[in-house]
C-alpha atoms as a PDB file:
ATOM      1  CA  UNK A   1     -14.264  74.772 -70.587  1.00  0.00           C
ATOM      2  CA  UNK A   2     -11.861  77.432 -71.778  1.00  0.00           C
ATOM      3  CA  UNK A   3     -11.076  80.607 -69.903  1.00  0.00           C
ATOM      4  CA  UNK A   4      -9.179  83.768 -70.802  1.00  0.00           C
ATOM      5  CA  UNK A   5      -6.970  85.306 -68.145  1.00  0.00           C
ATOM      6  CA  UNK A   6      -5.926  88.962 -68.246  1.00  0.00           C
ATOM      7  CA  UNK A   7      -2.962  89.280 -65.894  1.00  0.00           C
ATOM      8  CA  UNK A   8      -1.442  92.553 -64.662  1.00  0.00           C
ATOM      9  CA  UNK A   9       2.016  92.375 -63.088  1.00  0.00           C
ATOM     10  CA  UNK A  10       3.347  95.490 -61.384  1.00  0.00           C
ATOM     11  CA  UNK A  11       6.451  96.385 -59.384  1.00  0.00           C
ATOM     12  CA  UNK A  12       5.846  96.347 -55.646  1.00  0.00           C
ATOM     13  CA  UNK A  13       4.886  99.781 -54.304  1.00  0.00           C
ATOM     14  CA  UNK A  14       7.842  99.781 -51.895  1.00  0.00           C
ATOM     15  CA  UNK A  15      10.350  99.421 -54.749  1.00  0.00           C
ATOM     16  CA  UNK A  16      11.709 102.083 -57.044  1.00  0.00           C
ATOM     17  CA  UNK A  17      10.401 101.844 -60.623  1.00  0.00           C
ATOM     18  CA  UNK A  18      13.205 103.329 -62.778  1.00  0.00           C
ATOM     19  CA  UNK A  19      11.228 102.925 -65.991  1.00  0.00           C
ATOM     20  CA  UNK A  20       8.210 104.688 -64.491  1.00  0.00           C
ATOM     21  CA  UNK A  21      10.439 107.426 -63.080  1.00  0.00           C
ATOM     22  CA  UNK A  22      11.961 108.049 -66.533  1.00  0.00           C
ATOM     23  CA  UNK A  23       8.499 108.295 -68.091  1.00  0.00           C
ATOM     24  CA  UNK A  24       7.355 110.677 -65.341  1.00  0.00           C
ATOM     25  CA  UNK A  25      10.335 112.940 -66.070  1.00  0.00           C
ATOM     26  CA  UNK A  26       9.565 112.803 -69.790  1.00  0.00           C
ATOM     27  CA  UNK A  27       5.991 113.903 -69.061  1.00  0.00           C
ATOM     28  CA  UNK A  28       7.425 117.067 -67.468  1.00  0.00           C
ATOM     29  CA  UNK A  29       9.595 117.662 -70.543  1.00  0.00           C
ATOM     30  CA  UNK A  30       6.519 117.320 -72.796  1.00  0.00           C
ATOM     31  CA  UNK A  31       4.572 119.894 -70.814  1.00  0.00           C
ATOM     32  CA  UNK A  32       2.419 117.213 -69.187  1.00  0.00           C
ATOM     33  CA  UNK A  33       3.438 118.093 -65.637  1.00  0.00           C
ATOM     34  CA  UNK A  34      -0.044 117.181 -64.384  1.00  0.00           C
ATOM     35  CA  UNK A  35       0.926 113.501 -64.835  1.00  0.00           C
ATOM     36  CA  UNK A  36       3.133 112.011 -62.122  1.00  0.00           C
ATOM     37  CA  UNK A  37       3.977 108.815 -60.245  1.00  0.00           C
ATOM     38  CA  UNK A  38       3.972 106.650 -63.368  1.00  0.00           C
ATOM     39  CA  UNK A  39       4.458 102.923 -62.654  1.00  0.00           C
ATOM     40  CA  UNK A  40       5.126 100.532 -65.506  1.00  0.00           C
ATOM     41  CA  UNK A  41       4.360  96.830 -65.446  1.00  0.00           C
ATOM     42  CA  UNK A  42       3.387  93.953 -67.721  1.00  0.00           C
ATOM     43  CA  UNK A  43       0.054  92.797 -69.117  1.00  0.00           C
ATOM     44  CA  UNK A  44      -0.237  89.142 -70.119  1.00  0.00           C
ATOM     45  CA  UNK A  45      -3.208  87.311 -71.635  1.00  0.00           C
ATOM     46  CA  UNK A  46      -3.515  83.554 -71.854  1.00  0.00           C
ATOM     47  CA  UNK A  47      -6.108  80.827 -72.271  1.00  0.00           C
ATOM     48  CA  UNK A  48      -6.513  77.883 -69.940  1.00  0.00           C
ATOM     49  CA  UNK A  49      -8.663  74.761 -70.248  1.00  0.00           C
ATOM     50  CA  UNK A  50     -10.199  73.668 -66.952  1.00  0.00           C
ATOM     51  CA  UNK A  51     -13.243  71.938 -65.498  1.00  0.00           C
ATOM     52  CA  UNK A  52     -14.326  75.039 -63.571  1.00  0.00           C
ATOM     53  CA  UNK A  53     -13.482  78.694 -63.047  1.00  0.00           C
ATOM     54  CA  UNK A  54     -11.926  77.805 -59.686  1.00  0.00           C
ATOM     55  CA  UNK A  55      -9.619  75.234 -61.329  1.00  0.00           C
ATOM     56  CA  UNK A  56      -8.671  77.754 -64.015  1.00  0.00           C
ATOM     57  CA  UNK A  57      -7.902  80.391 -61.360  1.00  0.00           C
ATOM     58  CA  UNK A  58      -5.664  77.901 -59.537  1.00  0.00           C
ATOM     59  CA  UNK A  59      -3.723  77.138 -62.743  1.00  0.00           C
ATOM     60  CA  UNK A  60      -3.289  80.840 -63.542  1.00  0.00           C
ATOM     61  CA  UNK A  61      -2.084  81.487 -59.980  1.00  0.00           C
ATOM     62  CA  UNK A  62       0.446  78.666 -60.316  1.00  0.00           C
ATOM     63  CA  UNK A  63       1.702  80.075 -63.643  1.00  0.00           C
ATOM     64  CA  UNK A  64       2.127  83.518 -62.074  1.00  0.00           C
ATOM     65  CA  UNK A  65       3.796  82.188 -58.922  1.00  0.00           C
ATOM     66  CA  UNK A  66       6.176  79.820 -60.715  1.00  0.00           C
ATOM     67  CA  UNK A  67       7.033  81.668 -63.934  1.00  0.00           C
ATOM     68  CA  UNK A  68       5.373  84.949 -64.840  1.00  0.00           C
ATOM     69  CA  UNK A  69       5.881  87.026 -61.691  1.00  0.00           C
ATOM     70  CA  UNK A  70       9.023  87.635 -59.647  1.00  0.00           C
ATOM     71  CA  UNK A  71       7.304  87.762 -56.248  1.00  0.00           C
ATOM     72  CA  UNK A  72      10.354  89.405 -54.646  1.00  0.00           C
ATOM     73  CA  UNK A  73       9.884  92.515 -56.799  1.00  0.00           C
ATOM     74  CA  UNK A  74       6.394  92.249 -58.322  1.00  0.00           C
ATOM     75  CA  UNK A  75       2.755  91.583 -57.480  1.00  0.00           C
ATOM     76  CA  UNK A  76       0.011  90.344 -59.768  1.00  0.00           C
ATOM     77  CA  UNK A  77      -3.733  90.281 -60.165  1.00  0.00           C
ATOM     78  CA  UNK A  78      -5.849  88.709 -62.840  1.00  0.00           C
ATOM     79  CA  UNK A  79      -9.350  88.618 -64.261  1.00  0.00           C
ATOM     80  CA  UNK A  80     -10.732  85.337 -65.587  1.00  0.00           C
ATOM     81  CA  UNK A  81     -13.557  85.036 -68.141  1.00  0.00           C
ATOM     82  CA  UNK A  82     -15.069  82.027 -69.843  1.00  0.00           C
ATOM     83  CA  UNK A  83     -14.606  82.010 -73.635  1.00  0.00           C
END
């Protein structure tokens, strides 16, 4: 079976997000001062072939832990759907 994973990787809440802070400041400059606390991350999609959804989830977790996510500075979550 094939599965599609939609992965969201975000900076840890405890860490400063300089990119998000810059965008928040720009919102003020654009007159959009009702928008604040912007946090910017990454969105990754991929396909995985596996025998079951549980096996696919394990492979996606391994990819995130070993390559896609810097666990010192980021956290991730993903949604898995059969395609």
